[in-house]
Amino acid sequence: MPKTAGIDVFDEFGQVKIDDESPVYPSLMSMMKVDLVISPESDVWMAHDQPLPEVLKWIEYDLDLESLTLVALSGKIQDFGMKVPPAMKKYLRKAMHIYAIHQAEDHIKDMSRVPLLVRDALH
């Protein structure tokens, strides 16, 4: 029986380029440095060091998945890139909006107030 060479089906996995027509962007944390800060009064700030790919229409917080999803005006979506820490859950659940702050070179370059929608299917 002749030997056959193995095929690495994942050889080009890391080299896949995102199509401009794709409705999904790579996770925000894979594109830039980001941080999420929440006050006890449920004020929420999302600081990022690069411009966002598009203007945001809203941000969704899924309590069950503990995830944030950014939704652009065009309808494209982008995952935050990490689970929301459990300690932030009770504050984020009450929040109505998130301040998206582009901070670079030691100053604020842009800031917007983005509506927050909370999905709470199991609670």
PDB file of N, CA and C in Angstrom:
ATOM      1  N   MET A   1       0.850  -1.164   0.000  1.00  0.00           N
ATOM      2  CA  MET A   1       0.000   0.000   0.000  1.00  0.00           C
ATOM      3  C   MET A   1       0.904   1.237   0.000  1.00  0.00           C
ATOM      4  N   PRO A   2       0.707   2.158  -0.964  1.00  0.00           N
ATOM      5  CA  PRO A   2       1.556   3.350  -1.021  1.00  0.00           C
ATOM      6  C   PRO A   2       1.213   4.318   0.103  1.00  0.00           C
ATOM      7  N   LYS A   3       2.242   5.001   0.590  1.00  0.00           N
ATOM      8  CA  LYS A   3       2.020   6.003   1.629  1.00  0.00           C
ATOM      9  C   LYS A   3       1.505   7.287   0.983  1.00  0.00           C
ATOM     10  N   THR A   4       0.589   7.943   1.654  1.00  0.00           N
ATOM     11  CA  THR A   4       0.086   9.224   1.157  1.00  0.00           C
ATOM     12  C   THR A   4       0.526  10.317   2.118  1.00  0.00           C
ATOM     13  N   ALA A   5       0.771  11.448   1.571  1.00  0.00           N
ATOM     14  CA  ALA A   5       1.179  12.582   2.402  1.00  0.00           C
ATOM     15  C   ALA A   5      -0.040  13.136   3.129  1.00  0.00           C
ATOM     16  N   GLY A   6       0.164  13.514   4.370  1.00  0.00           N
ATOM     17  CA  GLY A   6      -0.930  14.126   5.122  1.00  0.00           C
ATOM     18  C   GLY A   6      -1.200  15.538   4.626  1.00  0.00           C
ATOM     19  N   ILE A   7      -2.413  15.958   4.744  1.00  0.00           N
ATOM     20  CA  ILE A   7      -2.800  17.310   4.331  1.00  0.00           C
ATOM     21  C   ILE A   7      -3.172  18.087   5.582  1.00  0.00           C
ATOM     22  N   ASP A   8      -2.538  19.220   5.758  1.00  0.00           N
ATOM     23  CA  ASP A   8      -2.846  20.072   6.901  1.00  0.00           C
ATOM     24  C   ASP A   8      -3.965  21.021   6.491  1.00  0.00           C
ATOM     25  N   VAL A   9      -5.184  20.687   6.892  1.00  0.00           N
ATOM     26  CA  VAL A   9      -6.330  21.513   6.476  1.00  0.00           C
ATOM     27  C   VAL A   9      -6.337  22.868   7.173  1.00  0.00           C
ATOM     28  N   PHE A  10      -5.564  23.019   8.249  1.00  0.00           N
ATOM     29  CA  PHE A  10      -5.527  24.287   8.969  1.00  0.00           C
ATOM     30  C   PHE A  10      -4.295  25.117   8.617  1.00  0.00           C
ATOM     31  N   ASP A  11      -3.563  24.723   7.600  1.00  0.00           N
ATOM     32  CA  ASP A  11      -2.316  25.385   7.223  1.00  0.00           C
ATOM     33  C   ASP A  11      -2.489  26.886   6.998  1.00  0.00           C
ATOM     34  N   GLU A  12      -3.567  27.290   6.360  1.00  0.00           N
ATOM     35  CA  GLU A  12      -3.756  28.701   6.035  1.00  0.00           C
ATOM     36  C   GLU A  12      -4.782  29.369   6.941  1.00  0.00           C
ATOM     37  N   PHE A  13      -5.154  28.724   8.043  1.00  0.00           N
ATOM     38  CA  PHE A  13      -6.201  29.254   8.906  1.00  0.00           C
ATOM     39  C   PHE A  13      -5.885  30.660   9.404  1.00  0.00           C
ATOM     40  N   GLY A  14      -4.669  30.889   9.907  1.00  0.00           N
ATOM     41  CA  GLY A  14      -4.296  32.193  10.439  1.00  0.00           C
ATOM     42  C   GLY A  14      -4.079  33.244   9.370  1.00  0.00           C
ATOM     43  N   GLN A  15      -4.050  32.844   8.103  1.00  0.00           N
ATOM     44  CA  GLN A  15      -3.788  33.783   7.019  1.00  0.00           C
ATOM     45  C   GLN A  15      -5.057  34.216   6.291  1.00  0.00           C
ATOM     46  N   VAL A  16      -6.210  33.768   6.776  1.00  0.00           N
ATOM     47  CA  VAL A  16      -7.468  34.118   6.124  1.00  0.00           C
ATOM     48  C   VAL A  16      -7.718  35.609   6.290  1.00  0.00           C
ATOM     49  N   LYS A  17      -8.030  36.256   5.200  1.00  0.00           N
ATOM     50  CA  LYS A  17      -8.313  37.691   5.236  1.00  0.00           C
ATOM     51  C   LYS A  17      -9.824  37.889   5.344  1.00  0.00           C
ATOM     52  N   ILE A  18     -10.206  38.908   6.075  1.00  0.00           N
ATOM     53  CA  ILE A  18     -11.622  39.227   6.225  1.00  0.00           C
ATOM     54  C   ILE A  18     -12.081  39.965   4.984  1.00  0.00           C
ATOM     55  N   ASP A  19     -13.117  39.455   4.380  1.00  0.00           N
ATOM     56  CA  ASP A  19     -13.698  40.068   3.198  1.00  0.00           C
ATOM     57  C   ASP A  19     -14.412  41.360   3.589  1.00  0.00           C
ATOM     58  N   ASP A  20     -14.203  42.411   2.820  1.00  0.00           N
ATOM     59  CA  ASP A  20     -14.875  43.686   3.102  1.00  0.00           C
ATOM     60  C   ASP A  20     -16.388  43.544   3.106  1.00  0.00           C
ATOM     61  N   GLU A  21     -16.900  42.557   2.408  1.00  0.00           N
ATOM     62  CA  GLU A  21     -18.345  42.337   2.341  1.00  0.00           C
ATOM     63  C   GLU A  21     -18.853  41.488   3.504  1.00  0.00           C
ATOM     64  N   SER A  22     -17.953  40.973   4.333  1.00  0.00           N
ATOM     65  CA  SER A  22     -18.352  40.141   5.466  1.00  0.00           C
ATOM     66  C   SER A  22     -19.157  40.966   6.462  1.00  0.00           C
ATOM     67  N   PRO A  23     -20.219  40.398   7.024  1.00  0.00           N
ATOM     68  CA  PRO A  23     -21.012  41.135   8.012  1.00  0.00           C
ATOM     69  C   PRO A  23     -20.402  41.125   9.415  1.00  0.00           C
ATOM     70  N   VAL A  24     -19.240  40.459   9.579  1.00  0.00           N
ATOM     71  CA  VAL A  24     -18.628  40.326  10.898  1.00  0.00           C
ATOM     72  C   VAL A  24     -17.165  40.777  10.845  1.00  0.00           C
ATOM     73  N   TYR A  25     -16.801  41.651  11.786  1.00  0.00           N
ATOM     74  CA  TYR A  25     -15.408  42.063  11.942  1.00  0.00           C
ATOM     75  C   TYR A  25     -14.712  41.116  12.925  1.00  0.00           C
ATOM     76  N   PRO A  26     -13.379  41.046  12.888  1.00  0.00           N
ATOM     77  CA  PRO A  26     -12.661  40.299  13.928  1.00  0.00           C
ATOM     78  C   PRO A  26     -12.954  40.939  15.293  1.00  0.00           C
ATOM     79  N   SER A  27     -12.716  40.214  16.369  1.00  0.00           N
ATOM     80  CA  SER A  27     -13.018  40.759  17.698  1.00  0.00           C
ATOM     81  C   SER A  27     -12.257  42.063  17.927  1.00  0.00           C
ATOM     82  N   LEU A  28     -12.871  42.929  18.695  1.00  0.00           N
ATOM     83  CA  LEU A  28     -12.281  44.235  18.967  1.00  0.00           C
ATOM     84  C   LEU A  28     -10.921  44.088  19.652  1.00  0.00           C
ATOM     85  N   MET A  29     -10.818  43.156  20.605  1.00  0.00           N
ATOM     86  CA  MET A  29      -9.560  42.975  21.338  1.00  0.00           C
ATOM     87  C   MET A  29      -8.442  42.429  20.462  1.00  0.00           C
ATOM     88  N   SER A  30      -8.786  41.806  19.335  1.00  0.00           N
ATOM     89  CA  SER A  30      -7.741  41.316  18.429  1.00  0.00           C
ATOM     90  C   SER A  30      -7.216  42.430  17.528  1.00  0.00           C
ATOM     91  N   MET A  31      -7.926  43.553  17.481  1.00  0.00           N
ATOM     92  CA  MET A  31      -7.552  44.659  16.607  1.00  0.00           C
ATOM     93  C   MET A  31      -6.865  45.808  17.345  1.00  0.00           C
ATOM     94  N   MET A  32      -7.113  45.913  18.666  1.00  0.00           N
ATOM     95  CA  MET A  32      -6.603  47.064  19.409  1.00  0.00           C
ATOM     96  C   MET A  32      -6.639  46.779  20.903  1.00  0.00           C
ATOM     97  N   LYS A  33      -6.035  47.667  21.669  1.00  0.00           N
ATOM     98  CA  LYS A  33      -6.128  47.582  23.121  1.00  0.00           C
ATOM     99  C   LYS A  33      -7.459  48.190  23.538  1.00  0.00           C
ATOM    100  N   VAL A  34      -8.184  47.481  24.383  1.00  0.00           N
ATOM    101  CA  VAL A  34      -9.461  47.987  24.882  1.00  0.00           C
ATOM    102  C   VAL A  34      -9.574  47.708  26.374  1.00  0.00           C
ATOM    103  N   ASP A  35     -10.390  48.497  27.035  1.00  0.00           N
ATOM    104  CA  ASP A  35     -10.644  48.296  28.454  1.00  0.00           C
ATOM    105  C   ASP A  35     -12.086  48.680  28.726  1.00  0.00           C
ATOM    106  N   LEU A  36     -12.680  48.021  29.693  1.00  0.00           N
ATOM    107  CA  LEU A  36     -14.059  48.275  30.074  1.00  0.00           C
ATOM    108  C   LEU A  36     -14.066  48.686  31.536  1.00  0.00           C
ATOM    109  N   VAL A  37     -14.678  49.838  31.818  1.00  0.00           N
ATOM    110  CA  VAL A  37     -14.735  50.364  33.178  1.00  0.00           C
ATOM    111  C   VAL A  37     -16.196  50.640  33.512  1.00  0.00           C
ATOM    112  N   ILE A  38     -16.606  50.199  34.707  1.00  0.00           N
ATOM    113  CA  ILE A  38     -17.996  50.380  35.122  1.00  0.00           C
ATOM    114  C   ILE A  38     -18.015  50.947  36.527  1.00  0.00           C
ATOM    115  N   SER A  39     -18.853  51.968  36.745  1.00  0.00           N
ATOM    116  CA  SER A  39     -18.991  52.548  38.079  1.00  0.00           C
ATOM    117  C   SER A  39     -20.134  51.852  38.822  1.00  0.00           C
ATOM    118  N   PRO A  40     -20.183  52.000  40.145  1.00  0.00           N
ATOM    119  CA  PRO A  40     -21.301  51.435  40.910  1.00  0.00           C
ATOM    120  C   PRO A  40     -22.660  52.022  40.505  1.00  0.00           C
ATOM    121  N   GLU A  41     -22.646  53.174  39.862  1.00  0.00           N
ATOM    122  CA  GLU A  41     -23.882  53.806  39.383  1.00  0.00           C
ATOM    123  C   GLU A  41     -24.263  53.315  37.991  1.00  0.00           C
ATOM    124  N   SER A  42     -23.551  52.314  37.476  1.00  0.00           N
ATOM    125  CA  SER A  42     -23.781  51.710  36.153  1.00  0.00           C
ATOM    126  C   SER A  42     -23.415  52.618  34.990  1.00  0.00           C
ATOM    127  N   ASP A  43     -22.483  53.542  35.222  1.00  0.00           N
ATOM    128  CA  ASP A  43     -21.892  54.278  34.111  1.00  0.00           C
ATOM    129  C   ASP A  43     -20.821  53.371  33.513  1.00  0.00           C
ATOM    130  N   VAL A  44     -20.791  53.271  32.185  1.00  0.00           N
ATOM    131  CA  VAL A  44     -19.883  52.333  31.523  1.00  0.00           C
ATOM    132  C   VAL A  44     -19.035  53.072  30.497  1.00  0.00           C
ATOM    133  N   TRP A  45     -17.735  52.814  30.536  1.00  0.00           N
ATOM    134  CA  TRP A  45     -16.800  53.387  29.574  1.00  0.00           C
ATOM    135  C   TRP A  45     -16.034  52.263  28.896  1.00  0.00           C
ATOM    136  N   MET A  46     -15.940  52.334  27.575  1.00  0.00           N
ATOM    137  CA  MET A  46     -15.133  51.401  26.794  1.00  0.00           C
ATOM    138  C   MET A  46     -14.039  52.228  26.130  1.00  0.00           C
ATOM    139  N   ALA A  47     -12.818  52.105  26.652  1.00  0.00           N
ATOM    140  CA  ALA A  47     -11.689  52.856  26.108  1.00  0.00           C
ATOM    141  C   ALA A  47     -10.966  51.989  25.086  1.00  0.00           C
ATOM    142  N   HIS A  48     -10.582  52.601  23.969  1.00  0.00           N
ATOM    143  CA  HIS A  48      -9.851  51.889  22.917  1.00  0.00           C
ATOM    144  C   HIS A  48      -8.771  52.797  22.354  1.00  0.00           C
ATOM    145  N   ASP A  49      -7.653  52.179  21.919  1.00  0.00           N
ATOM    146  CA  ASP A  49      -6.504  52.981  21.489  1.00  0.00           C
ATOM    147  C   ASP A  49      -6.404  53.187  19.982  1.00  0.00           C
ATOM    148  N   GLN A  50      -7.340  52.628  19.217  1.00  0.00           N
ATOM    149  CA  GLN A  50      -7.398  52.803  17.761  1.00  0.00           C
ATOM    150  C   GLN A  50      -8.821  53.219  17.389  1.00  0.00           C
ATOM    151  N   PRO A  51      -9.009  53.864  16.251  1.00  0.00           N
ATOM    152  CA  PRO A  51     -10.374  54.185  15.827  1.00  0.00           C
ATOM    153  C   PRO A  51     -11.164  52.894  15.568  1.00  0.00           C
ATOM    154  N   LEU A  52     -12.444  52.926  15.872  1.00  0.00           N
ATOM    155  CA  LEU A  52     -13.306  51.788  15.561  1.00  0.00           C
ATOM    156  C   LEU A  52     -13.483  51.701  14.052  1.00  0.00           C
ATOM    157  N   PRO A  53     -13.735  50.504  13.520  1.00  0.00           N
ATOM    158  CA  PRO A  53     -13.871  50.363  12.068  1.00  0.00           C
ATOM    159  C   PRO A  53     -15.028  51.171  11.475  1.00  0.00           C
ATOM    160  N   GLU A  54     -16.108  51.339  12.256  1.00  0.00           N
ATOM    161  CA  GLU A  54     -17.278  52.083  11.788  1.00  0.00           C
ATOM    162  C   GLU A  54     -17.941  52.780  12.970  1.00  0.00           C
ATOM    163  N   VAL A  55     -18.841  53.689  12.663  1.00  0.00           N
ATOM    164  CA  VAL A  55     -19.646  54.342  13.689  1.00  0.00           C
ATOM    165  C   VAL A  55     -20.617  53.313  14.264  1.00  0.00           C
ATOM    166  N   LEU A  56     -20.746  53.310  15.591  1.00  0.00           N
ATOM    167  CA  LEU A  56     -21.612  52.334  16.248  1.00  0.00           C
ATOM    168  C   LEU A  56     -23.057  52.820  16.327  1.00  0.00           C
ATOM    169  N   LYS A  57     -23.977  51.902  16.112  1.00  0.00           N
ATOM    170  CA  LYS A  57     -25.413  52.171  16.260  1.00  0.00           C
ATOM    171  C   LYS A  57     -25.845  51.813  17.681  1.00  0.00           C
ATOM    172  N   TRP A  58     -25.391  50.634  18.166  1.00  0.00           N
ATOM    173  CA  TRP A  58     -25.648  50.209  19.533  1.00  0.00           C
ATOM    174  C   TRP A  58     -24.666  49.116  19.917  1.00  0.00           C
ATOM    175  N   ILE A  59     -24.679  48.773  21.211  1.00  0.00           N
ATOM    176  CA  ILE A  59     -23.889  47.663  21.740  1.00  0.00           C
ATOM    177  C   ILE A  59     -24.854  46.745  22.472  1.00  0.00           C
ATOM    178  N   GLU A  60     -24.705  45.447  22.273  1.00  0.00           N
ATOM    179  CA  GLU A  60     -25.557  44.466  22.939  1.00  0.00           C
ATOM    180  C   GLU A  60     -24.768  43.750  24.018  1.00  0.00           C
ATOM    181  N   TYR A  61     -25.408  43.590  25.179  1.00  0.00           N
ATOM    182  CA  TYR A  61     -24.817  42.809  26.258  1.00  0.00           C
ATOM    183  C   TYR A  61     -25.692  41.581  26.460  1.00  0.00           C
ATOM    184  N   ASP A  62     -25.124  40.412  26.261  1.00  0.00           N
ATOM    185  CA  ASP A  62     -25.846  39.157  26.461  1.00  0.00           C
ATOM    186  C   ASP A  62     -25.460  38.617  27.841  1.00  0.00           C
ATOM    187  N   LEU A  63     -26.416  38.658  28.769  1.00  0.00           N
ATOM    188  CA  LEU A  63     -26.162  38.211  30.135  1.00  0.00           C
ATOM    189  C   LEU A  63     -25.792  36.733  30.198  1.00  0.00           C
ATOM    190  N   ASP A  64     -26.441  35.918  29.380  1.00  0.00           N
ATOM    191  CA  ASP A  64     -26.197  34.482  29.416  1.00  0.00           C
ATOM    192  C   ASP A  64     -24.823  34.119  28.871  1.00  0.00           C
ATOM    193  N   LEU A  65     -24.417  34.763  27.779  1.00  0.00           N
ATOM    194  CA  LEU A  65     -23.109  34.494  27.180  1.00  0.00           C
ATOM    195  C   LEU A  65     -22.002  35.349  27.798  1.00  0.00           C
ATOM    196  N   GLU A  66     -22.398  36.332  28.608  1.00  0.00           N
ATOM    197  CA  GLU A  66     -21.462  37.273  29.238  1.00  0.00           C
ATOM    198  C   GLU A  66     -20.590  37.956  28.196  1.00  0.00           C
ATOM    199  N   SER A  67     -21.227  38.385  27.104  1.00  0.00           N
ATOM    200  CA  SER A  67     -20.475  38.978  25.995  1.00  0.00           C
ATOM    201  C   SER A  67     -21.063  40.316  25.567  1.00  0.00           C
ATOM    202  N   LEU A  68     -20.204  41.122  24.974  1.00  0.00           N
ATOM    203  CA  LEU A  68     -20.604  42.392  24.367  1.00  0.00           C
ATOM    204  C   LEU A  68     -20.424  42.271  22.860  1.00  0.00           C
ATOM    205  N   THR A  69     -21.408  42.747  22.103  1.00  0.00           N
ATOM    206  CA  THR A  69     -21.340  42.758  20.650  1.00  0.00           C
ATOM    207  C   THR A  69     -21.601  44.175  20.175  1.00  0.00           C
ATOM    208  N   LEU A  70     -20.693  44.706  19.380  1.00  0.00           N
ATOM    209  CA  LEU A  70     -20.840  46.041  18.830  1.00  0.00           C
ATOM    210  C   LEU A  70     -21.571  45.943  17.498  1.00  0.00           C
ATOM    211  N   VAL A  71     -22.542  46.816  17.270  1.00  0.00           N
ATOM    212  CA  VAL A  71     -23.308  46.824  16.029  1.00  0.00           C
ATOM    213  C   VAL A  71     -23.113  48.181  15.362  1.00  0.00           C
ATOM    214  N   ALA A  72     -22.580  48.158  14.145  1.00  0.00           N
ATOM    215  CA  ALA A  72     -22.293  49.392  13.409  1.00  0.00           C
ATOM    216  C   ALA A  72     -23.530  49.896  12.675  1.00  0.00           C
ATOM    217  N   LEU A  73     -23.474  51.138  12.235  1.00  0.00           N
ATOM    218  CA  LEU A  73     -24.577  51.710  11.445  1.00  0.00           C
ATOM    219  C   LEU A  73     -24.898  50.876  10.214  1.00  0.00           C
ATOM    220  N   SER A  74     -23.882  50.258   9.634  1.00  0.00           N
ATOM    221  CA  SER A  74     -24.072  49.444   8.431  1.00  0.00           C
ATOM    222  C   SER A  74     -24.706  48.093   8.742  1.00  0.00           C
ATOM    223  N   GLY A  75     -24.762  47.727  10.030  1.00  0.00           N
ATOM    224  CA  GLY A  75     -25.296  46.425  10.414  1.00  0.00           C
ATOM    225  C   GLY A  75     -24.212  45.398  10.699  1.00  0.00           C
ATOM    226  N   LYS A  76     -22.957  45.718  10.388  1.00  0.00           N
ATOM    227  CA  LYS A  76     -21.870  44.788  10.688  1.00  0.00           C
ATOM    228  C   LYS A  76     -21.711  44.666  12.192  1.00  0.00           C
ATOM    229  N   ILE A  77     -21.311  43.469  12.634  1.00  0.00           N
ATOM    230  CA  ILE A  77     -21.149  43.232  14.058  1.00  0.00           C
ATOM    231  C   ILE A  77     -19.700  42.921  14.392  1.00  0.00           C
ATOM    232  N   GLN A  78     -19.376  43.122  15.681  1.00  0.00           N
ATOM    233  CA  GLN A  78     -18.017  42.867  16.154  1.00  0.00           C
ATOM    234  C   GLN A  78     -18.092  42.476  17.622  1.00  0.00           C
ATOM    235  N   ASP A  79     -17.534  41.321  17.950  1.00  0.00           N
ATOM    236  CA  ASP A  79     -17.490  40.861  19.326  1.00  0.00           C
ATOM    237  C   ASP A  79     -16.428  41.651  20.085  1.00  0.00           C
ATOM    238  N   PHE A  80     -16.689  41.912  21.350  1.00  0.00           N
ATOM    239  CA  PHE A  80     -15.727  42.634  22.183  1.00  0.00           C
ATOM    240  C   PHE A  80     -14.421  41.856  22.295  1.00  0.00           C
ATOM    241  N   GLY A  81     -14.509  40.529  22.417  1.00  0.00           N
ATOM    242  CA  GLY A  81     -13.295  39.706  22.430  1.00  0.00           C
ATOM    243  C   GLY A  81     -12.987  39.056  23.752  1.00  0.00           C
ATOM    244  N   MET A  82     -13.800  39.305  24.763  1.00  0.00           N
ATOM    245  CA  MET A  82     -13.624  38.647  26.058  1.00  0.00           C
ATOM    246  C   MET A  82     -14.953  38.600  26.782  1.00  0.00           C
ATOM    247  N   LYS A  83     -15.060  37.688  27.728  1.00  0.00           N
ATOM    248  CA  LYS A  83     -16.268  37.627  28.542  1.00  0.00           C
ATOM    249  C   LYS A  83     -16.259  38.780  29.530  1.00  0.00           C
ATOM    250  N   VAL A  84     -17.448  39.272  29.829  1.00  0.00           N
ATOM    251  CA  VAL A  84     -17.583  40.323  30.833  1.00  0.00           C
ATOM    252  C   VAL A  84     -17.361  39.686  32.207  1.00  0.00           C
ATOM    253  N   PRO A  85     -16.458  40.248  33.016  1.00  0.00           N
ATOM    254  CA  PRO A  85     -16.206  39.680  34.341  1.00  0.00           C
ATOM    255  C   PRO A  85     -17.486  39.637  35.185  1.00  0.00           C
ATOM    256  N   PRO A  86     -17.702  38.553  35.933  1.00  0.00           N
ATOM    257  CA  PRO A  86     -18.924  38.405  36.733  1.00  0.00           C
ATOM    258  C   PRO A  86     -19.197  39.575  37.679  1.00  0.00           C
ATOM    259  N   ALA A  87     -18.154  40.189  38.228  1.00  0.00           N
ATOM    260  CA  ALA A  87     -18.351  41.309  39.151  1.00  0.00           C
ATOM    261  C   ALA A  87     -19.005  42.515  38.473  1.00  0.00           C
ATOM    262  N   MET A  88     -18.877  42.631  37.154  1.00  0.00           N
ATOM    263  CA  MET A  88     -19.454  43.757  36.417  1.00  0.00           C
ATOM    264  C   MET A  88     -20.904  43.507  36.006  1.00  0.00           C
ATOM    265  N   LYS A  89     -21.334  42.267  36.078  1.00  0.00           N
ATOM    266  CA  LYS A  89     -22.634  41.862  35.547  1.00  0.00           C
ATOM    267  C   LYS A  89     -23.807  42.675  36.109  1.00  0.00           C
ATOM    268  N   LYS A  90     -23.872  42.824  37.436  1.00  0.00           N
ATOM    269  CA  LYS A  90     -25.023  43.504  38.026  1.00  0.00           C
ATOM    270  C   LYS A  90     -25.076  44.985  37.650  1.00  0.00           C
ATOM    271  N   TYR A  91     -23.921  45.590  37.405  1.00  0.00           N
ATOM    272  CA  TYR A  91     -23.895  47.002  37.014  1.00  0.00           C
ATOM    273  C   TYR A  91     -24.198  47.178  35.530  1.00  0.00           C
ATOM    274  N   LEU A  92     -23.627  46.316  34.714  1.00  0.00           N
ATOM    275  CA  LEU A  92     -23.838  46.400  33.271  1.00  0.00           C
ATOM    276  C   LEU A  92     -25.295  46.116  32.913  1.00  0.00           C
ATOM    277  N   ARG A  93     -25.919  45.250  33.697  1.00  0.00           N
ATOM    278  CA  ARG A  93     -27.330  44.898  33.472  1.00  0.00           C
ATOM    279  C   ARG A  93     -28.239  46.119  33.571  1.00  0.00           C
ATOM    280  N   LYS A  94     -27.888  47.089  34.414  1.00  0.00           N
ATOM    281  CA  LYS A  94     -28.707  48.285  34.636  1.00  0.00           C
ATOM    282  C   LYS A  94     -28.357  49.440  33.694  1.00  0.00           C
ATOM    283  N   ALA A  95     -27.234  49.337  33.006  1.00  0.00           N
ATOM    284  CA  ALA A  95     -26.759  50.451  32.165  1.00  0.00           C
ATOM    285  C   ALA A  95     -27.655  50.665  30.951  1.00  0.00           C
ATOM    286  N   MET A  96     -27.740  51.897  30.519  1.00  0.00           N
ATOM    287  CA  MET A  96     -28.555  52.266  29.354  1.00  0.00           C
ATOM    288  C   MET A  96     -27.697  52.613  28.138  1.00  0.00           C
ATOM    289  N   HIS A  97     -26.421  52.932  28.381  1.00  0.00           N
ATOM    290  CA  HIS A  97     -25.519  53.305  27.291  1.00  0.00           C
ATOM    291  C   HIS A  97     -24.073  53.059  27.722  1.00  0.00           C
ATOM    292  N   ILE A  98     -23.192  53.082  26.737  1.00  0.00           N
ATOM    293  CA  ILE A  98     -21.756  52.943  26.970  1.00  0.00           C
ATOM    294  C   ILE A  98     -21.061  54.118  26.290  1.00  0.00           C
ATOM    295  N   TYR A  99     -20.122  54.732  26.990  1.00  0.00           N
ATOM    296  CA  TYR A  99     -19.299  55.773  26.389  1.00  0.00           C
ATOM    297  C   TYR A  99     -18.111  55.088  25.717  1.00  0.00           C
ATOM    298  N   ALA A 100     -18.021  55.191  24.401  1.00  0.00           N
ATOM    299  CA  ALA A 100     -16.892  54.649  23.643  1.00  0.00           C
ATOM    300  C   ALA A 100     -15.873  55.774  23.506  1.00  0.00           C
ATOM    301  N   ILE A 101     -14.694  55.563  24.061  1.00  0.00           N
ATOM    302  CA  ILE A 101     -13.684  56.617  24.119  1.00  0.00           C
ATOM    303  C   ILE A 101     -12.425  56.166  23.390  1.00  0.00           C
ATOM    304  N   HIS A 102     -12.093  56.864  22.309  1.00  0.00           N
ATOM    305  CA  HIS A 102     -10.834  56.613  21.588  1.00  0.00           C
ATOM    306  C   HIS A 102      -9.783  57.484  22.252  1.00  0.00           C
ATOM    307  N   GLN A 103      -8.874  56.831  22.963  1.00  0.00           N
ATOM    308  CA  GLN A 103      -7.826  57.539  23.677  1.00  0.00           C
ATOM    309  C   GLN A 103      -6.471  57.118  23.139  1.00  0.00           C
ATOM    310  N   ALA A 104      -5.688  58.085  22.698  1.00  0.00           N
ATOM    311  CA  ALA A 104      -4.349  57.816  22.186  1.00  0.00           C
ATOM    312  C   ALA A 104      -3.488  59.052  22.414  1.00  0.00           C
ATOM    313  N   GLU A 105      -2.193  58.829  22.479  1.00  0.00           N
ATOM    314  CA  GLU A 105      -1.245  59.927  22.669  1.00  0.00           C
ATOM    315  C   GLU A 105      -1.599  60.784  23.889  1.00  0.00           C
ATOM    316  N   ASP A 106      -2.028  60.106  24.952  1.00  0.00           N
ATOM    317  CA  ASP A 106      -2.337  60.747  26.237  1.00  0.00           C
ATOM    318  C   ASP A 106      -3.498  61.746  26.207  1.00  0.00           C
ATOM    319  N   HIS A 107      -4.374  61.644  25.222  1.00  0.00           N
ATOM    320  CA  HIS A 107      -5.569  62.477  25.253  1.00  0.00           C
ATOM    321  C   HIS A 107      -6.724  61.783  24.512  1.00  0.00           C
ATOM    322  N   ILE A 108      -7.920  62.279  24.747  1.00  0.00           N
ATOM    323  CA  ILE A 108      -9.107  61.716  24.105  1.00  0.00           C
ATOM    324  C   ILE A 108      -9.220  62.271  22.697  1.00  0.00           C
ATOM    325  N   LYS A 109      -9.267  61.369  21.712  1.00  0.00           N
ATOM    326  CA  LYS A 109      -9.381  61.777  20.311  1.00  0.00           C
ATOM    327  C   LYS A 109     -10.837  61.815  19.853  1.00  0.00           C
ATOM    328  N   ASP A 110     -11.661  60.947  20.453  1.00  0.00           N
ATOM    329  CA  ASP A 110     -13.069  60.882  20.056  1.00  0.00           C
ATOM    330  C   ASP A 110     -13.850  60.203  21.170  1.00  0.00           C
ATOM    331  N   MET A 111     -15.105  60.592  21.332  1.00  0.00           N
ATOM    332  CA  MET A 111     -15.954  59.958  22.327  1.00  0.00           C
ATOM    333  C   MET A 111     -17.391  59.977  21.823  1.00  0.00           C
ATOM    334  N   SER A 112     -18.095  58.872  22.029  1.00  0.00           N
ATOM    335  CA  SER A 112     -19.503  58.837  21.658  1.00  0.00           C
ATOM    336  C   SER A 112     -20.287  58.066  22.715  1.00  0.00           C
ATOM    337  N   ARG A 113     -21.531  58.421  22.846  1.00  0.00           N
ATOM    338  CA  ARG A 113     -22.446  57.738  23.768  1.00  0.00           C
ATOM    339  C   ARG A 113     -23.272  56.772  22.924  1.00  0.00           C
ATOM    340  N   VAL A 114     -23.115  55.483  23.200  1.00  0.00           N
ATOM    341  CA  VAL A 114     -23.733  54.439  22.386  1.00  0.00           C
ATOM    342  C   VAL A 114     -24.802  53.727  23.206  1.00  0.00           C
ATOM    343  N   PRO A 115     -26.027  53.593  22.669  1.00  0.00           N
ATOM    344  CA  PRO A 115     -27.073  52.866  23.403  1.00  0.00           C
ATOM    345  C   PRO A 115     -26.640  51.427  23.696  1.00  0.00           C
ATOM    346  N   LEU A 116     -27.044  50.932  24.866  1.00  0.00           N
ATOM    347  CA  LEU A 116     -26.753  49.564  25.268  1.00  0.00           C
ATOM    348  C   LEU A 116     -28.063  48.789  25.361  1.00  0.00           C
ATOM    349  N   LEU A 117     -28.133  47.681  24.654  1.00  0.00           N
ATOM    350  CA  LEU A 117     -29.280  46.783  24.728  1.00  0.00           C
ATOM    351  C   LEU A 117     -28.862  45.558  25.515  1.00  0.00           C
ATOM    352  N   VAL A 118     -29.649  45.167  26.505  1.00  0.00           N
ATOM    353  CA  VAL A 118     -29.325  44.030  27.351  1.00  0.00           C
ATOM    354  C   VAL A 118     -30.239  42.877  26.985  1.00  0.00           C
ATOM    355  N   ARG A 119     -29.624  41.760  26.592  1.00  0.00           N
ATOM    356  CA  ARG A 119     -30.384  40.526  26.305  1.00  0.00           C
ATOM    357  C   ARG A 119     -30.331  39.664  27.562  1.00  0.00           C
ATOM    358  N   ASP A 120     -31.509  39.324  28.054  1.00  0.00           N
ATOM    359  CA  ASP A 120     -31.629  38.617  29.318  1.00  0.00           C
ATOM    360  C   ASP A 120     -32.648  37.508  29.171  1.00  0.00           C
ATOM    361  N   ALA A 121     -32.315  36.457  28.441  1.00  0.00           N
ATOM    362  CA  ALA A 121     -33.269  35.398  28.130  1.00  0.00           C
ATOM    363  C   ALA A 121     -33.541  34.460  29.299  1.00  0.00           C
ATOM    364  N   LEU A 122     -32.548  34.171  30.099  1.00  0.00           N
ATOM    365  CA  LEU A 122     -32.708  33.156  31.135  1.00  0.00           C
ATOM    366  C   LEU A 122     -32.863  33.704  32.545  1.00  0.00           C
ATOM    367  N   HIS A 123     -32.874  35.012  32.719  1.00  0.00           N
ATOM    368  CA  HIS A 123     -32.934  35.577  34.080  1.00  0.00           C
ATOM    369  C   HIS A 123     -34.241  36.265  34.319  1.00  0.00           C
TER     370      HIS A 123
END
